Amino acid sequence: MVSDAHGLSRVVLASNNAGKLREFASLLDAAGIELIAQGELGVPEAPEPHATFVENALAKARHASALTGLPALADDSGLCVRALDGAPGVYSARYASMNGEAKSDAANNAKLVADLANHADRRAYYFCVLVLVRHADDPEPLIAEGRWHGEVLDAPRGAHGFGYDPHFFLPALNATAAELDPARKNALSHRALALRDLLQRLKELA
């Protein structure tokens, strides 16, 4: 198994986001990897000062691994909107709070809809970079990525998911990400695509 080949039976997730933990844990369970949120091990959030997804993910993974002594998995992900030159991008989680508004999904979605008010082009994609370090000083971190293409809707739809999911519309499915049941979203999402890429890389190294 992947975990036997790489000593990855137990990996710390460099995030305290409950939604991410659920998604990643369900996907990694099939590979025999137990995922533990860093908060359960007393690890504080790492700074995310970088302008790129990969730099932020690497910083978070090294931080969690250094403080726990375990292999660490980190992601940096966000929504990239074509008409907004890729915004909110790496700032997706704090899109509204950067302007002094509340730090919440509702505030972020309201700002996104407002910023797109004069744009006809609603194309967007969720982007995810995953970084796995086997130890804090790993010189060869495994890096994978995934893109999930869709469009931004003004009005939210659906009760599942988190973040921008209620506004992220998938034309081929005639549904938003928040209208998909969790199992289906886990099979299609940017995180699922990135994780499949990561697991394939692990198998190739076995």
Protein backbone atom coordinates (compact mmCIF):
# COMPACT_ATOMS: atom_id res chain seq x y z
CA MET A 1 0.00 0.00 0.00
CA VAL A 2 1.00 3.62 -0.41
CA SER A 3 1.24 4.10 3.34
CA ASP A 4 3.41 1.01 3.79
CA ALA A 5 5.80 2.09 1.06
CA HIS A 6 6.29 5.59 2.38
CA GLY A 7 5.69 5.42 6.12
CA LEU A 8 2.66 7.65 5.75
CA SER A 9 0.18 5.79 7.89
CA ARG A 10 -0.32 8.95 9.98
CA VAL A 11 -0.15 12.43 8.49
CA VAL A 12 -0.93 15.80 10.05
CA LEU A 13 -3.13 18.14 8.04
CA ALA A 14 -1.72 21.66 8.22
CA SER A 15 -5.16 23.22 8.59
CA ASN A 16 -7.95 23.52 11.14
CA ASN A 17 -10.63 23.91 8.47
CA ALA A 18 -13.27 21.32 9.28
CA GLY A 19 -14.52 21.19 5.69
CA LYS A 20 -11.07 20.47 4.31
CA LEU A 21 -10.43 17.84 6.98
CA ARG A 22 -13.64 16.00 6.03
CA GLU A 23 -12.81 16.07 2.32
CA PHE A 24 -9.18 15.02 2.65
CA ALA A 25 -9.81 12.41 5.36
CA SER A 26 -12.45 10.64 3.28
CA LEU A 27 -10.19 10.61 0.22
CA LEU A 28 -7.05 9.48 2.07
CA ASP A 29 -8.78 6.79 4.08
CA ALA A 30 -8.93 4.58 1.01
CA ALA A 31 -5.12 4.81 0.77
CA GLY A 32 -4.72 3.67 4.37
CA ILE A 33 -3.60 7.09 5.59
CA GLU A 34 -4.95 8.50 8.85
CA LEU A 35 -5.24 12.28 8.72
CA ILE A 36 -5.09 14.35 11.90
CA ALA A 37 -5.89 18.06 12.08
CA GLN A 38 -2.97 20.09 13.38
CA GLY A 39 -5.19 21.66 16.06
CA GLU A 40 -5.61 18.26 17.71
CA LEU A 41 -1.84 18.24 18.21
CA GLY A 42 -1.63 21.80 19.51
CA VAL A 43 -0.17 23.29 16.31
CA PRO A 44 -1.11 26.93 15.70
CA GLU A 45 -1.95 28.27 12.26
CA ALA A 46 1.08 29.20 10.19
CA PRO A 47 1.41 32.60 8.53
CA GLU A 48 0.49 32.73 4.84
CA PRO A 49 2.41 35.77 3.61
CA HIS A 50 3.18 34.59 0.11
CA ALA A 51 1.66 35.64 -3.21
CA THR A 52 1.50 32.12 -4.65
CA PHE A 53 -0.44 29.04 -3.66
CA VAL A 54 2.59 26.74 -3.70
CA GLU A 55 4.71 28.92 -1.41
CA ASN A 56 1.91 29.18 1.16
CA ALA A 57 1.23 25.44 1.09
CA LEU A 58 4.91 24.59 1.51
CA ALA A 59 5.29 26.99 4.44
CA LYS A 60 2.26 25.47 6.18
CA ALA A 61 3.43 21.89 5.63
CA ARG A 62 6.93 22.54 6.98
CA HIS A 63 5.49 24.38 9.99
CA ALA A 64 3.17 21.51 10.95
CA SER A 65 5.83 18.86 10.41
CA ALA A 66 8.43 20.74 12.44
CA LEU A 67 6.11 21.03 15.43
CA THR A 68 4.80 17.45 15.37
CA GLY A 69 7.61 15.34 13.94
CA LEU A 70 5.08 13.79 11.55
CA PRO A 71 4.74 13.92 7.79
CA ALA A 72 2.51 16.85 6.92
CA LEU A 73 0.03 17.64 4.19
CA ALA A 74 -0.93 21.21 3.39
CA ASP A 75 -3.07 22.77 0.74
CA ASP A 76 -3.50 26.27 -0.45
CA SER A 77 -6.57 26.75 -2.52
CA GLY A 78 -8.90 29.41 -3.69
CA LEU A 79 -11.27 30.68 -6.31
CA CYS A 80 -9.75 32.35 -9.36
CA VAL A 81 -12.11 34.52 -11.42
CA ARG A 82 -11.10 35.42 -14.95
CA ALA A 83 -12.79 38.83 -15.03
CA LEU A 84 -11.06 39.79 -11.76
CA ASP A 85 -7.57 38.90 -13.03
CA GLY A 86 -7.50 35.76 -10.92
CA ALA A 87 -8.86 37.30 -7.71
CA PRO A 88 -9.66 36.42 -5.01
CA GLY A 89 -6.98 33.74 -5.58
CA VAL A 90 -4.64 33.21 -2.64
CA TYR A 91 -6.70 35.72 -0.68
CA SER A 92 -9.96 33.77 -1.05
CA ALA A 93 -10.38 33.03 2.66
CA ARG A 94 -9.85 36.67 3.67
CA TYR A 95 -11.18 38.44 0.60
CA ALA A 96 -13.65 40.61 2.50
CA SER A 97 -11.65 41.03 5.71
CA MET A 98 -8.77 42.58 3.78
CA ASN A 99 -11.13 45.53 3.26
CA GLY A 100 -12.12 45.71 6.91
CA GLU A 101 -15.24 43.61 6.55
CA ALA A 102 -16.09 40.47 8.50
CA LYS A 103 -14.00 37.33 7.96
CA SER A 104 -16.72 34.94 6.89
CA ASP A 105 -17.92 32.96 3.92
CA ALA A 106 -21.00 35.20 3.67
CA ALA A 107 -18.91 38.38 3.54
CA ASN A 108 -16.51 36.90 0.99
CA ASN A 109 -19.37 35.81 -1.26
CA ALA A 110 -21.07 39.20 -1.00
CA LYS A 111 -17.87 40.95 -2.02
CA LEU A 112 -17.33 38.57 -4.92
CA VAL A 113 -20.83 39.17 -6.28
CA ALA A 114 -20.42 42.94 -5.87
CA ASP A 115 -17.06 42.96 -7.62
CA LEU A 116 -18.56 41.07 -10.57
CA ALA A 117 -21.61 43.33 -10.88
CA ASN A 118 -20.36 44.99 -14.08
CA HIS A 119 -18.80 41.91 -15.67
CA ALA A 120 -20.51 39.61 -18.13
CA ASP A 121 -17.71 37.03 -18.00
CA ARG A 122 -18.40 34.78 -15.03
CA ARG A 123 -15.86 32.05 -15.76
CA ALA A 124 -13.91 30.87 -12.73
CA TYR A 125 -12.08 27.88 -11.37
CA TYR A 126 -11.20 26.52 -8.00
CA PHE A 127 -7.46 25.88 -7.77
CA CYS A 128 -5.71 23.65 -5.25
CA VAL A 129 -2.04 23.02 -4.60
CA LEU A 130 -1.15 20.16 -2.27
CA VAL A 131 2.26 19.84 -0.67
CA LEU A 132 3.35 16.75 1.25
CA VAL A 133 6.57 16.79 3.26
CA ARG A 134 7.83 13.57 4.81
CA HIS A 135 9.73 15.60 7.41
CA ALA A 136 10.17 19.31 8.09
CA ASP A 137 13.37 19.63 6.05
CA ASP A 138 12.26 17.38 3.19
CA PRO A 139 14.31 18.56 0.17
CA GLU A 140 11.88 16.95 -2.26
CA PRO A 141 8.35 17.87 -1.21
CA LEU A 142 5.67 16.25 -3.29
CA ILE A 143 3.59 18.88 -5.06
CA ALA A 144 0.30 18.27 -6.85
CA GLU A 145 -2.44 20.50 -8.18
CA GLY A 146 -6.00 20.46 -9.45
CA ARG A 147 -8.35 22.87 -11.23
CA TRP A 148 -12.16 22.68 -11.16
CA HIS A 149 -13.80 24.89 -13.77
CA GLY A 150 -17.16 26.59 -13.43
CA GLU A 151 -18.93 29.95 -13.29
CA VAL A 152 -19.97 32.42 -10.59
CA LEU A 153 -23.68 32.88 -9.86
CA ASP A 154 -25.09 35.99 -8.20
CA ALA A 155 -27.61 34.07 -6.09
CA PRO A 156 -26.46 31.21 -3.84
CA ARG A 157 -27.81 27.71 -4.34
CA GLY A 158 -27.42 24.61 -2.19
CA ALA A 159 -26.81 23.75 1.43
CA HIS A 160 -23.65 21.62 1.25
CA GLY A 161 -20.02 22.60 1.00
CA PHE A 162 -18.37 25.75 2.30
CA GLY A 163 -16.57 28.84 1.07
CA TYR A 164 -17.73 29.93 -2.37
CA ASP A 165 -19.50 26.64 -3.12
CA PRO A 166 -23.07 28.09 -3.17
CA HIS A 167 -22.03 30.52 -5.92
CA PHE A 168 -19.78 28.14 -7.90
CA PHE A 169 -21.91 26.80 -10.74
CA LEU A 170 -21.01 23.72 -12.79
CA PRO A 171 -22.80 23.99 -16.16
CA ALA A 172 -22.27 20.35 -17.11
CA LEU A 173 -24.07 19.27 -13.93
CA ASN A 174 -26.57 22.16 -13.82
CA ALA A 175 -25.71 22.51 -10.13
CA THR A 176 -23.54 24.51 -7.80
CA ALA A 177 -20.84 22.83 -5.75
CA ALA A 178 -23.09 23.33 -2.72
CA GLU A 179 -25.88 21.35 -4.39
CA LEU A 180 -23.73 18.27 -4.79
CA ASP A 181 -23.81 15.66 -2.07
CA PRO A 182 -20.45 15.45 -0.26
CA ALA A 183 -19.45 12.13 -1.83
CA ARG A 184 -19.97 13.44 -5.35
CA LYS A 185 -18.17 16.69 -4.62
CA ASN A 186 -15.25 14.74 -3.13
CA ALA A 187 -14.97 12.83 -6.40
CA LEU A 188 -15.00 15.92 -8.63
CA SER A 189 -13.46 18.81 -6.74
CA HIS A 190 -10.15 20.60 -7.20
CA ARG A 191 -8.95 18.96 -3.99
CA ALA A 192 -9.95 15.53 -5.27
CA LEU A 193 -8.09 16.16 -8.53
CA ALA A 194 -5.00 17.36 -6.66
CA LEU A 195 -5.12 14.46 -4.23
CA ARG A 196 -5.39 11.89 -7.01
CA ASP A 197 -2.36 13.52 -8.59
CA LEU A 198 -0.51 13.33 -5.27
CA LEU A 199 -1.39 9.68 -4.66
CA GLN A 200 -0.23 8.81 -8.16
CA ARG A 201 3.10 10.50 -7.48
CA LEU A 202 3.46 8.50 -4.28
CA LYS A 203 2.80 5.25 -6.12
CA GLU A 204 5.41 6.12 -8.72
CA LEU A 205 7.99 6.59 -5.97
CA ALA A 206 7.24 3.25 -4.33
